[in-house]
Amino acid sequence: MKNRDIKTVILGASTNPGRYSYFAAQMFSERNLDFVPIGLKKGELFGKEILDIRQKPHVEDVHTVTLYIGTANQVEYYDYILSLKPKRIIFNPGTENPDLMELAKKNNIDVWPACNLVLLSTGQY
């Protein structure tokens, strides 16, 4: 599988250029990598509409979920995240969550406590 074939859900996407999720979307866009932004506020990121996380939108063929929601706000989305059936979840700094990590492992999902921006910048994505 080539990187370009990997679909990534950015959970906690934001149109605020000061947010790391914004930088991640920008990097995905610049590298022509497929991403689906999902967040609380409506808007558009690099030509893609931000889907409302409260609606728990169905997304097909998800390879990676990259988290930009703090641990305390993740609990209500555990089932949703698992329902996306990702092959891996990237826990960006500040999103590390032992409970969700354990749930992911029990569902045969790879757990990466890492910074998505670093992974993209260094070609490790």
PDB file of N, CA and C in Angstrom:
ATOM      1  N   MET A   1       0.847  -1.183   0.000  1.00  0.00           N
ATOM      2  CA  MET A   1       0.000   0.000   0.000  1.00  0.00           C
ATOM      3  C   MET A   1       0.885   1.236   0.000  1.00  0.00           C
ATOM      4  N   LYS A   2       0.636   2.108  -0.929  1.00  0.00           N
ATOM      5  CA  LYS A   2       1.383   3.360  -0.996  1.00  0.00           C
ATOM      6  C   LYS A   2       0.766   4.363  -0.031  1.00  0.00           C
ATOM      7  N   ASN A   3       1.588   5.299   0.437  1.00  0.00           N
ATOM      8  CA  ASN A   3       1.079   6.327   1.358  1.00  0.00           C
ATOM      9  C   ASN A   3      -0.130   7.054   0.792  1.00  0.00           C
ATOM     10  N   ARG A   4      -0.146   7.255  -0.513  1.00  0.00           N
ATOM     11  CA  ARG A   4      -1.244   8.007  -1.118  1.00  0.00           C
ATOM     12  C   ARG A   4      -2.563   7.242  -1.041  1.00  0.00           C
ATOM     13  N   ASP A   5      -2.487   5.924  -0.827  1.00  0.00           N
ATOM     14  CA  ASP A   5      -3.689   5.106  -0.742  1.00  0.00           C
ATOM     15  C   ASP A   5      -4.231   5.025   0.686  1.00  0.00           C
ATOM     16  N   ILE A   6      -3.514   5.618   1.628  1.00  0.00           N
ATOM     17  CA  ILE A   6      -3.915   5.563   3.030  1.00  0.00           C
ATOM     18  C   ILE A   6      -4.877   6.704   3.325  1.00  0.00           C
ATOM     19  N   LYS A   7      -6.074   6.353   3.798  1.00  0.00           N
ATOM     20  CA  LYS A   7      -7.033   7.385   4.198  1.00  0.00           C
ATOM     21  C   LYS A   7      -6.903   7.600   5.700  1.00  0.00           C
ATOM     22  N   THR A   8      -6.726   8.853   6.086  1.00  0.00           N
ATOM     23  CA  THR A   8      -6.564   9.215   7.489  1.00  0.00           C
ATOM     24  C   THR A   8      -7.713  10.104   7.934  1.00  0.00           C
ATOM     25  N   VAL A   9      -8.286   9.766   9.073  1.00  0.00           N
ATOM     26  CA  VAL A   9      -9.291  10.619   9.709  1.00  0.00           C
ATOM     27  C   VAL A   9      -8.559  11.498  10.722  1.00  0.00           C
ATOM     28  N   ILE A  10      -8.709  12.805  10.563  1.00  0.00           N
ATOM     29  CA  ILE A  10      -8.156  13.758  11.532  1.00  0.00           C
ATOM     30  C   ILE A  10      -9.289  14.063  12.513  1.00  0.00           C
ATOM     31  N   LEU A  11      -9.209  13.452  13.695  1.00  0.00           N
ATOM     32  CA  LEU A  11     -10.268  13.612  14.688  1.00  0.00           C
ATOM     33  C   LEU A  11      -9.902  14.761  15.618  1.00  0.00           C
ATOM     34  N   GLY A  12     -10.682  15.829  15.526  1.00  0.00           N
ATOM     35  CA  GLY A  12     -10.384  17.055  16.255  1.00  0.00           C
ATOM     36  C   GLY A  12      -9.888  18.127  15.293  1.00  0.00           C
ATOM     37  N   ALA A  13     -10.285  18.002  14.028  1.00  0.00           N
ATOM     38  CA  ALA A  13      -9.859  18.949  12.984  1.00  0.00           C
ATOM     39  C   ALA A  13     -10.356  20.362  13.299  1.00  0.00           C
ATOM     40  N   SER A  14      -9.544  21.339  12.926  1.00  0.00           N
ATOM     41  CA  SER A  14      -9.873  22.738  13.201  1.00  0.00           C
ATOM     42  C   SER A  14      -9.398  23.624  12.056  1.00  0.00           C
ATOM     43  N   THR A  15     -10.175  24.689  11.805  1.00  0.00           N
ATOM     44  CA  THR A  15      -9.769  25.676  10.802  1.00  0.00           C
ATOM     45  C   THR A  15      -8.837  26.726  11.391  1.00  0.00           C
ATOM     46  N   ASN A  16      -8.551  26.628  12.684  1.00  0.00           N
ATOM     47  CA  ASN A  16      -7.671  27.574  13.358  1.00  0.00           C
ATOM     48  C   ASN A  16      -6.218  27.270  12.982  1.00  0.00           C
ATOM     49  N   PRO A  17      -5.551  28.181  12.248  1.00  0.00           N
ATOM     50  CA  PRO A  17      -4.177  27.924  11.812  1.00  0.00           C
ATOM     51  C   PRO A  17      -3.175  27.788  12.950  1.00  0.00           C
ATOM     52  N   GLY A  18      -3.580  28.062  14.169  1.00  0.00           N
ATOM     53  CA  GLY A  18      -2.697  27.884  15.318  1.00  0.00           C
ATOM     54  C   GLY A  18      -2.788  26.499  15.938  1.00  0.00           C
ATOM     55  N   ARG A  19      -3.673  25.654  15.415  1.00  0.00           N
ATOM     56  CA  ARG A  19      -3.877  24.307  15.981  1.00  0.00           C
ATOM     57  C   ARG A  19      -3.053  23.272  15.217  1.00  0.00           C
ATOM     58  N   TYR A  20      -2.568  22.288  15.948  1.00  0.00           N
ATOM     59  CA  TYR A  20      -1.761  21.242  15.310  1.00  0.00           C
ATOM     60  C   TYR A  20      -2.564  20.433  14.307  1.00  0.00           C
ATOM     61  N   SER A  21      -3.861  20.266  14.552  1.00  0.00           N
ATOM     62  CA  SER A  21      -4.684  19.527  13.586  1.00  0.00           C
ATOM     63  C   SER A  21      -4.745  20.262  12.249  1.00  0.00           C
ATOM     64  N   TYR A  22      -4.690  21.585  12.298  1.00  0.00           N
ATOM     65  CA  TYR A  22      -4.659  22.382  11.064  1.00  0.00           C
ATOM     66  C   TYR A  22      -3.356  22.120  10.308  1.00  0.00           C
ATOM     67  N   PHE A  23      -2.232  22.137  11.042  1.00  0.00           N
ATOM     68  CA  PHE A  23      -0.933  21.863  10.413  1.00  0.00           C
ATOM     69  C   PHE A  23      -0.917  20.471   9.793  1.00  0.00           C
ATOM     70  N   ALA A  24      -1.512  19.505  10.498  1.00  0.00           N
ATOM     71  CA  ALA A  24      -1.558  18.135   9.969  1.00  0.00           C
ATOM     72  C   ALA A  24      -2.334  18.106   8.654  1.00  0.00           C
ATOM     73  N   ALA A  25      -3.502  18.742   8.632  1.00  0.00           N
ATOM     74  CA  ALA A  25      -4.303  18.782   7.400  1.00  0.00           C
ATOM     75  C   ALA A  25      -3.519  19.445   6.273  1.00  0.00           C
ATOM     76  N   GLN A  26      -2.810  20.516   6.605  1.00  0.00           N
ATOM     77  CA  GLN A  26      -1.998  21.210   5.603  1.00  0.00           C
ATOM     78  C   GLN A  26      -0.924  20.272   5.050  1.00  0.00           C
ATOM     79  N   MET A  27      -0.278  19.526   5.919  1.00  0.00           N
ATOM     80  CA  MET A  27       0.774  18.609   5.478  1.00  0.00           C
ATOM     81  C   MET A  27       0.198  17.466   4.635  1.00  0.00           C
ATOM     82  N   PHE A  28      -0.952  16.943   5.034  1.00  0.00           N
ATOM     83  CA  PHE A  28      -1.601  15.907   4.216  1.00  0.00           C
ATOM     84  C   PHE A  28      -1.911  16.458   2.829  1.00  0.00           C
ATOM     85  N   SER A  29      -2.464  17.666   2.798  1.00  0.00           N
ATOM     86  CA  SER A  29      -2.837  18.292   1.537  1.00  0.00           C
ATOM     87  C   SER A  29      -1.610  18.515   0.651  1.00  0.00           C
ATOM     88  N   GLU A  30      -0.545  19.070   1.227  1.00  0.00           N
ATOM     89  CA  GLU A  30       0.681  19.344   0.466  1.00  0.00           C
ATOM     90  C   GLU A  30       1.308  18.071  -0.104  1.00  0.00           C
ATOM     91  N   ARG A  31       1.094  16.958   0.599  1.00  0.00           N
ATOM     92  CA  ARG A  31       1.676  15.685   0.171  1.00  0.00           C
ATOM     93  C   ARG A  31       0.695  14.838  -0.648  1.00  0.00           C
ATOM     94  N   ASN A  32      -0.463  15.436  -0.963  1.00  0.00           N
ATOM     95  CA  ASN A  32      -1.515  14.726  -1.709  1.00  0.00           C
ATOM     96  C   ASN A  32      -1.931  13.425  -1.041  1.00  0.00           C
ATOM     97  N   LEU A  33      -2.022  13.447   0.291  1.00  0.00           N
ATOM     98  CA  LEU A  33      -2.466  12.287   1.049  1.00  0.00           C
ATOM     99  C   LEU A  33      -3.939  12.466   1.396  1.00  0.00           C
ATOM    100  N   ASP A  34      -4.688  11.381   1.313  1.00  0.00           N
ATOM    101  CA  ASP A  34      -6.129  11.435   1.550  1.00  0.00           C
ATOM    102  C   ASP A  34      -6.420  11.592   3.042  1.00  0.00           C
ATOM    103  N   PHE A  35      -7.246  12.574   3.387  1.00  0.00           N
ATOM    104  CA  PHE A  35      -7.644  12.769   4.782  1.00  0.00           C
ATOM    105  C   PHE A  35      -9.100  13.209   4.855  1.00  0.00           C
ATOM    106  N   VAL A  36      -9.706  12.887   5.995  1.00  0.00           N
ATOM    107  CA  VAL A  36     -11.086  13.271   6.267  1.00  0.00           C
ATOM    108  C   VAL A  36     -11.069  14.046   7.583  1.00  0.00           C
ATOM    109  N   PRO A  37     -11.341  15.361   7.533  1.00  0.00           N
ATOM    110  CA  PRO A  37     -11.348  16.142   8.770  1.00  0.00           C
ATOM    111  C   PRO A  37     -12.690  16.017   9.495  1.00  0.00           C
ATOM    112  N   ILE A  38     -12.622  15.692  10.783  1.00  0.00           N
ATOM    113  CA  ILE A  38     -13.817  15.573  11.610  1.00  0.00           C
ATOM    114  C   ILE A  38     -13.573  16.397  12.867  1.00  0.00           C
ATOM    115  N   GLY A  39     -14.516  17.292  13.183  1.00  0.00           N
ATOM    116  CA  GLY A  39     -14.343  18.161  14.346  1.00  0.00           C
ATOM    117  C   GLY A  39     -15.660  18.716  14.842  1.00  0.00           C
ATOM    118  N   LEU A  40     -15.570  19.643  15.767  1.00  0.00           N
ATOM    119  CA  LEU A  40     -16.764  20.255  16.367  1.00  0.00           C
ATOM    120  C   LEU A  40     -17.309  21.428  15.557  1.00  0.00           C
ATOM    121  N   LYS A  41     -16.413  22.201  14.975  1.00  0.00           N
ATOM    122  CA  LYS A  41     -16.847  23.411  14.277  1.00  0.00           C
ATOM    123  C   LYS A  41     -16.863  23.195  12.770  1.00  0.00           C
ATOM    124  N   LYS A  42     -17.885  23.765  12.147  1.00  0.00           N
ATOM    125  CA  LYS A  42     -18.001  23.677  10.690  1.00  0.00           C
ATOM    126  C   LYS A  42     -16.895  24.488  10.040  1.00  0.00           C
ATOM    127  N   GLY A  43     -16.597  24.119   8.823  1.00  0.00           N
ATOM    128  CA  GLY A  43     -15.590  24.846   8.079  1.00  0.00           C
ATOM    129  C   GLY A  43     -15.004  23.947   7.014  1.00  0.00           C
ATOM    130  N   GLU A  44     -13.962  24.451   6.398  1.00  0.00           N
ATOM    131  CA  GLU A  44     -13.307  23.724   5.321  1.00  0.00           C
ATOM    132  C   GLU A  44     -11.804  23.768   5.545  1.00  0.00           C
ATOM    133  N   LEU A  45     -11.165  22.631   5.301  1.00  0.00           N
ATOM    134  CA  LEU A  45      -9.716  22.536   5.417  1.00  0.00           C
ATOM    135  C   LEU A  45      -9.148  22.056   4.096  1.00  0.00           C
ATOM    136  N   PHE A  46      -8.480  22.928   3.396  1.00  0.00           N
ATOM    137  CA  PHE A  46      -7.788  22.570   2.165  1.00  0.00           C
ATOM    138  C   PHE A  46      -8.713  21.824   1.193  1.00  0.00           C
ATOM    139  N   GLY A  47      -9.913  22.402   1.023  1.00  0.00           N
ATOM    140  CA  GLY A  47     -10.868  21.862   0.058  1.00  0.00           C
ATOM    141  C   GLY A  47     -11.745  20.747   0.589  1.00  0.00           C
ATOM    142  N   LYS A  48     -11.615  20.399   1.866  1.00  0.00           N
ATOM    143  CA  LYS A  48     -12.423  19.325   2.442  1.00  0.00           C
ATOM    144  C   LYS A  48     -13.284  19.874   3.568  1.00  0.00           C
ATOM    145  N   GLU A  49     -14.566  19.538   3.527  1.00  0.00           N
ATOM    146  CA  GLU A  49     -15.496  19.988   4.563  1.00  0.00           C
ATOM    147  C   GLU A  49     -15.215  19.240   5.861  1.00  0.00           C
ATOM    148  N   ILE A  50     -15.213  19.976   6.965  1.00  0.00           N
ATOM    149  CA  ILE A  50     -15.061  19.336   8.271  1.00  0.00           C
ATOM    150  C   ILE A  50     -16.412  18.705   8.636  1.00  0.00           C
ATOM    151  N   LEU A  51     -16.397  17.396   8.851  1.00  0.00           N
ATOM    152  CA  LEU A  51     -17.605  16.682   9.240  1.00  0.00           C
ATOM    153  C   LEU A  51     -17.814  16.850  10.740  1.00  0.00           C
ATOM    154  N   ASP A  52     -19.079  16.869  11.160  1.00  0.00           N
ATOM    155  CA  ASP A  52     -19.432  17.108  12.559  1.00  0.00           C
ATOM    156  C   ASP A  52     -19.236  15.834  13.377  1.00  0.00           C
ATOM    157  N   ILE A  53     -18.328  15.879  14.320  1.00  0.00           N
ATOM    158  CA  ILE A  53     -18.025  14.712  15.140  1.00  0.00           C
ATOM    159  C   ILE A  53     -19.243  14.237  15.934  1.00  0.00           C
ATOM    160  N   ARG A  54     -20.121  15.175  16.293  1.00  0.00           N
ATOM    161  CA  ARG A  54     -21.314  14.800  17.075  1.00  0.00           C
ATOM    162  C   ARG A  54     -22.253  13.912  16.269  1.00  0.00           C
ATOM    163  N   GLN A  55     -22.144  13.997  14.941  1.00  0.00           N
ATOM    164  CA  GLN A  55     -22.973  13.146  14.064  1.00  0.00           C
ATOM    165  C   GLN A  55     -22.351  11.770  13.875  1.00  0.00           C
ATOM    166  N   LYS A  56     -21.120  11.620  14.329  1.00  0.00           N
ATOM    167  CA  LYS A  56     -20.377  10.363  14.179  1.00  0.00           C
ATOM    168  C   LYS A  56     -20.484   9.843  12.747  1.00  0.00           C
ATOM    169  N   PRO A  57     -19.976  10.634  11.796  1.00  0.00           N
ATOM    170  CA  PRO A  57     -20.134  10.290  10.383  1.00  0.00           C
ATOM    171  C   PRO A  57     -19.418   8.992  10.009  1.00  0.00           C
ATOM    172  N   HIS A  58     -20.076   8.223   9.179  1.00  0.00           N
ATOM    173  CA  HIS A  58     -19.490   6.976   8.693  1.00  0.00           C
ATOM    174  C   HIS A  58     -18.438   7.314   7.631  1.00  0.00           C
ATOM    175  N   VAL A  59     -17.280   6.711   7.760  1.00  0.00           N
ATOM    176  CA  VAL A  59     -16.207   6.909   6.790  1.00  0.00           C
ATOM    177  C   VAL A  59     -15.702   5.526   6.389  1.00  0.00           C
ATOM    178  N   GLU A  60     -15.654   5.289   5.095  1.00  0.00           N
ATOM    179  CA  GLU A  60     -15.210   3.987   4.566  1.00  0.00           C
ATOM    180  C   GLU A  60     -13.691   3.935   4.438  1.00  0.00           C
ATOM    181  N   ASP A  61     -13.160   2.729   4.517  1.00  0.00           N
ATOM    182  CA  ASP A  61     -11.750   2.447   4.196  1.00  0.00           C
ATOM    183  C   ASP A  61     -10.756   3.313   4.962  1.00  0.00           C
ATOM    184  N   VAL A  62     -10.971   3.452   6.262  1.00  0.00           N
ATOM    185  CA  VAL A  62     -10.067   4.235   7.097  1.00  0.00           C
ATOM    186  C   VAL A  62      -8.837   3.389   7.432  1.00  0.00           C
ATOM    187  N   HIS A  63      -7.678   3.919   7.140  1.00  0.00           N
ATOM    188  CA  HIS A  63      -6.441   3.244   7.535  1.00  0.00           C
ATOM    189  C   HIS A  63      -5.978   3.742   8.903  1.00  0.00           C
ATOM    190  N   THR A  64      -6.011   5.074   9.079  1.00  0.00           N
ATOM    191  CA  THR A  64      -5.455   5.678  10.289  1.00  0.00           C
ATOM    192  C   THR A  64      -6.413   6.715  10.855  1.00  0.00           C
ATOM    193  N   VAL A  65      -6.532   6.719  12.180  1.00  0.00           N
ATOM    194  CA  VAL A  65      -7.186   7.811  12.892  1.00  0.00           C
ATOM    195  C   VAL A  65      -6.080   8.520  13.646  1.00  0.00           C
ATOM    196  N   THR A  66      -5.938   9.820  13.423  1.00  0.00           N
ATOM    197  CA  THR A  66      -4.964  10.604  14.165  1.00  0.00           C
ATOM    198  C   THR A  66      -5.740  11.523  15.105  1.00  0.00           C
ATOM    199  N   LEU A  67      -5.448  11.400  16.390  1.00  0.00           N
ATOM    200  CA  LEU A  67      -6.236  12.084  17.419  1.00  0.00           C
ATOM    201  C   LEU A  67      -5.684  13.452  17.781  1.00  0.00           C
ATOM    202  N   TYR A  68      -6.601  14.411  17.777  1.00  0.00           N
ATOM    203  CA  TYR A  68      -6.306  15.761  18.250  1.00  0.00           C
ATOM    204  C   TYR A  68      -7.388  16.200  19.235  1.00  0.00           C
ATOM    205  N   ILE A  69      -7.917  15.223  19.996  1.00  0.00           N
ATOM    206  CA  ILE A  69      -8.886  15.540  21.044  1.00  0.00           C
ATOM    207  C   ILE A  69      -8.270  15.054  22.351  1.00  0.00           C
ATOM    208  N   GLY A  70      -8.358  15.894  23.368  1.00  0.00           N
ATOM    209  CA  GLY A  70      -7.791  15.543  24.667  1.00  0.00           C
ATOM    210  C   GLY A  70      -8.442  14.303  25.262  1.00  0.00           C
ATOM    211  N   THR A  71      -7.712  13.663  26.152  1.00  0.00           N
ATOM    212  CA  THR A  71      -8.139  12.411  26.768  1.00  0.00           C
ATOM    213  C   THR A  71      -9.535  12.500  27.374  1.00  0.00           C
ATOM    214  N   ALA A  72      -9.820  13.552  28.114  1.00  0.00           N
ATOM    215  CA  ALA A  72     -11.115  13.694  28.785  1.00  0.00           C
ATOM    216  C   ALA A  72     -12.275  13.735  27.798  1.00  0.00           C
ATOM    217  N   ASN A  73     -12.027  14.250  26.604  1.00  0.00           N
ATOM    218  CA  ASN A  73     -13.098  14.365  25.609  1.00  0.00           C
ATOM    219  C   ASN A  73     -13.196  13.159  24.683  1.00  0.00           C
ATOM    220  N   GLN A  74     -12.318  12.182  24.849  1.00  0.00           N
ATOM    221  CA  GLN A  74     -12.323  11.013  23.975  1.00  0.00           C
ATOM    222  C   GLN A  74     -13.363   9.971  24.361  1.00  0.00           C
ATOM    223  N   VAL A  75     -13.671   9.874  25.648  1.00  0.00           N
ATOM    224  CA  VAL A  75     -14.494   8.781  26.168  1.00  0.00           C
ATOM    225  C   VAL A  75     -15.792   8.592  25.385  1.00  0.00           C
ATOM    226  N   GLU A  76     -16.500   9.675  25.117  1.00  0.00           N
ATOM    227  CA  GLU A  76     -17.778   9.543  24.417  1.00  0.00           C
ATOM    228  C   GLU A  76     -17.620   9.094  22.963  1.00  0.00           C
ATOM    229  N   TYR A  77     -16.388   9.072  22.469  1.00  0.00           N
ATOM    230  CA  TYR A  77     -16.156   8.677  21.077  1.00  0.00           C
ATOM    231  C   TYR A  77     -15.425   7.335  20.922  1.00  0.00           C
ATOM    232  N   TYR A  78     -15.200   6.629  22.022  1.00  0.00           N
ATOM    233  CA  TYR A  78     -14.523   5.332  21.939  1.00  0.00           C
ATOM    234  C   TYR A  78     -15.175   4.423  20.904  1.00  0.00           C
ATOM    235  N   ASP A  79     -16.479   4.193  21.064  1.00  0.00           N
ATOM    236  CA  ASP A  79     -17.191   3.277  20.156  1.00  0.00           C
ATOM    237  C   ASP A  79     -17.131   3.782  18.718  1.00  0.00           C
ATOM    238  N   TYR A  80     -17.250   5.084  18.551  1.00  0.00           N
ATOM    239  CA  TYR A  80     -17.194   5.657  17.205  1.00  0.00           C
ATOM    240  C   TYR A  80     -15.829   5.410  16.566  1.00  0.00           C
ATOM    241  N   ILE A  81     -14.775   5.700  17.315  1.00  0.00           N
ATOM    242  CA  ILE A  81     -13.416   5.513  16.791  1.00  0.00           C
ATOM    243  C   ILE A  81     -13.217   4.054  16.381  1.00  0.00           C
ATOM    244  N   LEU A  82     -13.623   3.135  17.245  1.00  0.00           N
ATOM    245  CA  LEU A  82     -13.475   1.708  16.934  1.00  0.00           C
ATOM    246  C   LEU A  82     -14.338   1.308  15.740  1.00  0.00           C
ATOM    247  N   SER A  83     -15.510   1.948  15.585  1.00  0.00           N
ATOM    248  CA  SER A  83     -16.419   1.614  14.474  1.00  0.00           C
ATOM    249  C   SER A  83     -15.829   1.987  13.115  1.00  0.00           C
ATOM    250  N   LEU A  84     -14.858   2.894  13.109  1.00  0.00           N
ATOM    251  CA  LEU A  84     -14.203   3.275  11.853  1.00  0.00           C
ATOM    252  C   LEU A  84     -13.274   2.166  11.347  1.00  0.00           C
ATOM    253  N   LYS A  85     -12.993   1.208  12.238  1.00  0.00           N
ATOM    254  CA  LYS A  85     -12.139   0.053  11.921  1.00  0.00           C
ATOM    255  C   LYS A  85     -10.781   0.449  11.327  1.00  0.00           C
ATOM    256  N   PRO A  86     -10.094   1.394  12.006  1.00  0.00           N
ATOM    257  CA  PRO A  86      -8.772   1.777  11.490  1.00  0.00           C
ATOM    258  C   PRO A  86      -7.759   0.663  11.723  1.00  0.00           C
ATOM    259  N   LYS A  87      -6.703   0.697  10.949  1.00  0.00           N
ATOM    260  CA  LYS A  87      -5.602  -0.241  11.159  1.00  0.00           C
ATOM    261  C   LYS A  87      -4.659   0.296  12.241  1.00  0.00           C
ATOM    262  N   ARG A  88      -4.643   1.635  12.411  1.00  0.00           N
ATOM    263  CA  ARG A  88      -3.836   2.223  13.477  1.00  0.00           C
ATOM    264  C   ARG A  88      -4.488   3.507  13.982  1.00  0.00           C
ATOM    265  N   ILE A  89      -4.127   3.838  15.228  1.00  0.00           N
ATOM    266  CA  ILE A  89      -4.525   5.109  15.830  1.00  0.00           C
ATOM    267  C   ILE A  89      -3.244   5.791  16.272  1.00  0.00           C
ATOM    268  N   ILE A  90      -3.078   7.039  15.840  1.00  0.00           N
ATOM    269  CA  ILE A  90      -1.932   7.833  16.261  1.00  0.00           C
ATOM    270  C   ILE A  90      -2.398   8.734  17.406  1.00  0.00           C
ATOM    271  N   PHE A  91      -1.764   8.548  18.555  1.00  0.00           N
ATOM    272  CA  PHE A  91      -2.052   9.364  19.730  1.00  0.00           C
ATOM    273  C   PHE A  91      -1.017  10.477  19.766  1.00  0.00           C
ATOM    274  N   ASN A  92      -1.403  11.642  19.273  1.00  0.00           N
ATOM    275  CA  ASN A  92      -0.510  12.799  19.253  1.00  0.00           C
ATOM    276  C   ASN A  92      -0.249  13.275  20.681  1.00  0.00           C
ATOM    277  N   PRO A  93       0.836  14.025  20.903  1.00  0.00           N
ATOM    278  CA  PRO A  93       1.124  14.519  22.253  1.00  0.00           C
ATOM    279  C   PRO A  93      -0.095  15.207  22.868  1.00  0.00           C
ATOM    280  N   GLY A  94      -0.403  14.814  24.103  1.00  0.00           N
ATOM    281  CA  GLY A  94      -1.557  15.367  24.801  1.00  0.00           C
ATOM    282  C   GLY A  94      -2.827  14.546  24.621  1.00  0.00           C
ATOM    283  N   THR A  95      -2.784  13.535  23.742  1.00  0.00           N
ATOM    284  CA  THR A  95      -3.970  12.703  23.518  1.00  0.00           C
ATOM    285  C   THR A  95      -3.755  11.277  24.008  1.00  0.00           C
ATOM    286  N   GLU A  96      -2.589  10.986  24.565  1.00  0.00           N
ATOM    287  CA  GLU A  96      -2.297   9.640  25.025  1.00  0.00           C
ATOM    288  C   GLU A  96      -3.343   9.209  26.051  1.00  0.00           C
ATOM    289  N   ASN A  97      -3.882   8.004  25.845  1.00  0.00           N
ATOM    290  CA  ASN A  97      -4.985   7.540  26.673  1.00  0.00           C
ATOM    291  C   ASN A  97      -4.864   6.028  26.857  1.00  0.00           C
ATOM    292  N   PRO A  98      -4.380   5.579  28.024  1.00  0.00           N
ATOM    293  CA  PRO A  98      -4.188   4.150  28.253  1.00  0.00           C
ATOM    294  C   PRO A  98      -5.456   3.321  28.033  1.00  0.00           C
ATOM    295  N   ASP A  99      -6.627   3.834  28.411  1.00  0.00           N
ATOM    296  CA  ASP A  99      -7.870   3.082  28.234  1.00  0.00           C
ATOM    297  C   ASP A  99      -8.189   2.858  26.759  1.00  0.00           C
ATOM    298  N   LEU A 100      -8.111   3.918  25.969  1.00  0.00           N
ATOM    299  CA  LEU A 100      -8.392   3.791  24.536  1.00  0.00           C
ATOM    300  C   LEU A 100      -7.299   2.976  23.848  1.00  0.00           C
ATOM    301  N   MET A 101      -6.078   3.131  24.296  1.00  0.00           N
ATOM    302  CA  MET A 101      -4.979   2.342  23.719  1.00  0.00           C
ATOM    303  C   MET A 101      -5.236   0.848  23.931  1.00  0.00           C
ATOM    304  N   GLU A 102      -5.666   0.494  25.121  1.00  0.00           N
ATOM    305  CA  GLU A 102      -5.956  -0.910  25.436  1.00  0.00           C
ATOM    306  C   GLU A 102      -7.133  -1.420  24.603  1.00  0.00           C
ATOM    307  N   LEU A 103      -8.188  -0.613  24.497  1.00  0.00           N
ATOM    308  CA  LEU A 103      -9.336  -0.995  23.654  1.00  0.00           C
ATOM    309  C   LEU A 103      -8.902  -1.210  22.206  1.00  0.00           C
ATOM    310  N   ALA A 104      -8.063  -0.326  21.718  1.00  0.00           N
ATOM    311  CA  ALA A 104      -7.581  -0.442  20.340  1.00  0.00           C
ATOM    312  C   ALA A 104      -6.817  -1.752  20.158  1.00  0.00           C
ATOM    313  N   LYS A 105      -5.906  -2.041  21.079  1.00  0.00           N
ATOM    314  CA  LYS A 105      -5.113  -3.274  20.982  1.00  0.00           C
ATOM    315  C   LYS A 105      -6.013  -4.508  20.997  1.00  0.00           C
ATOM    316  N   LYS A 106      -7.056  -4.480  21.850  1.00  0.00           N
ATOM    317  CA  LYS A 106      -7.992  -5.615  21.921  1.00  0.00           C
ATOM    318  C   LYS A 106      -8.754  -5.796  20.612  1.00  0.00           C
ATOM    319  N   ASN A 107      -8.828  -4.712  19.816  1.00  0.00           N
ATOM    320  CA  ASN A 107      -9.512  -4.757  18.520  1.00  0.00           C
ATOM    321  C   ASN A 107      -8.518  -4.865  17.361  1.00  0.00           C
ATOM    322  N   ASN A 108      -7.304  -5.307  17.676  1.00  0.00           N
ATOM    323  CA  ASN A 108      -6.247  -5.507  16.668  1.00  0.00           C
ATOM    324  C   ASN A 108      -5.912  -4.243  15.879  1.00  0.00           C
ATOM    325  N   ILE A 109      -5.920  -3.121  16.576  1.00  0.00           N
ATOM    326  CA  ILE A 109      -5.571  -1.835  15.973  1.00  0.00           C
ATOM    327  C   ILE A 109      -4.193  -1.444  16.511  1.00  0.00           C
ATOM    328  N   ASP A 110      -3.281  -1.097  15.609  1.00  0.00           N
ATOM    329  CA  ASP A 110      -1.958  -0.642  16.030  1.00  0.00           C
ATOM    330  C   ASP A 110      -2.079   0.689  16.761  1.00  0.00           C
ATOM    331  N   VAL A 111      -1.316   0.827  17.821  1.00  0.00           N
ATOM    332  CA  VAL A 111      -1.313   2.029  18.643  1.00  0.00           C
ATOM    333  C   VAL A 111       0.045   2.707  18.484  1.00  0.00           C
ATOM    334  N   TRP A 112       0.008   3.962  18.038  1.00  0.00           N
ATOM    335  CA  TRP A 112       1.234   4.734  17.848  1.00  0.00           C
ATOM    336  C   TRP A 112       1.191   5.990  18.708  1.00  0.00           C
ATOM    337  N   PRO A 113       1.844   6.007  19.864  1.00  0.00           N
ATOM    338  CA  PRO A 113       1.975   7.264  20.593  1.00  0.00           C
ATOM    339  C   PRO A 113       3.083   8.068  19.910  1.00  0.00           C
ATOM    340  N   ALA A 114       2.688   8.989  19.063  1.00  0.00           N
ATOM    341  CA  ALA A 114       3.656   9.708  18.228  1.00  0.00           C
ATOM    342  C   ALA A 114       3.060  11.039  17.791  1.00  0.00           C
ATOM    343  N   CYS A 115       3.894  11.860  17.205  1.00  0.00           N
ATOM    344  CA  CYS A 115       3.441  13.138  16.657  1.00  0.00           C
ATOM    345  C   CYS A 115       3.281  12.994  15.148  1.00  0.00           C
ATOM    346  N   ASN A 116       2.057  13.156  14.688  1.00  0.00           N
ATOM    347  CA  ASN A 116       1.761  13.028  13.270  1.00  0.00           C
ATOM    348  C   ASN A 116       2.606  13.988  12.432  1.00  0.00           C
ATOM    349  N   LEU A 117       2.833  15.189  12.931  1.00  0.00           N
ATOM    350  CA  LEU A 117       3.619  16.181  12.192  1.00  0.00           C
ATOM    351  C   LEU A 117       5.060  15.699  12.008  1.00  0.00           C
ATOM    352  N   VAL A 118       5.622  15.094  13.026  1.00  0.00           N
ATOM    353  CA  VAL A 118       6.976  14.555  12.928  1.00  0.00           C
ATOM    354  C   VAL A 118       7.000  13.383  11.956  1.00  0.00           C
ATOM    355  N   LEU A 119       6.021  12.485  12.078  1.00  0.00           N
ATOM    356  CA  LEU A 119       5.957  11.338  11.169  1.00  0.00           C
ATOM    357  C   LEU A 119       5.917  11.789   9.724  1.00  0.00           C
ATOM    358  N   LEU A 120       5.090  12.791   9.430  1.00  0.00           N
ATOM    359  CA  LEU A 120       4.986  13.292   8.064  1.00  0.00           C
ATOM    360  C   LEU A 120       6.278  13.997   7.623  1.00  0.00           C
ATOM    361  N   SER A 121       6.847  14.788   8.521  1.00  0.00           N
ATOM    362  CA  SER A 121       8.050  15.566   8.193  1.00  0.00           C
ATOM    363  C   SER A 121       9.260  14.686   7.930  1.00  0.00           C
ATOM    364  N   THR A 122       9.315  13.536   8.593  1.00  0.00           N
ATOM    365  CA  THR A 122      10.498  12.683   8.501  1.00  0.00           C
ATOM    366  C   THR A 122      10.280  11.478   7.579  1.00  0.00           C
ATOM    367  N   GLY A 123       9.115  11.433   6.909  1.00  0.00           N
ATOM    368  CA  GLY A 123       8.850  10.334   5.986  1.00  0.00           C
ATOM    369  C   GLY A 123       8.535   9.012   6.666  1.00  0.00           C
ATOM    370  N   GLN A 124       8.160   9.044   7.935  1.00  0.00           N
ATOM    371  CA  GLN A 124       7.828   7.814   8.663  1.00  0.00           C
ATOM    372  C   GLN A 124       6.351   7.487   8.609  1.00  0.00           C
ATOM    373  N   TYR A 125       5.564   8.350   7.969  1.00  0.00           N
ATOM    374  CA  TYR A 125       4.131   8.115   7.920  1.00  0.00           C
ATOM    375  C   TYR A 125       3.867   6.981   6.954  1.00  0.00           C
TER     376      TYR A 125
END
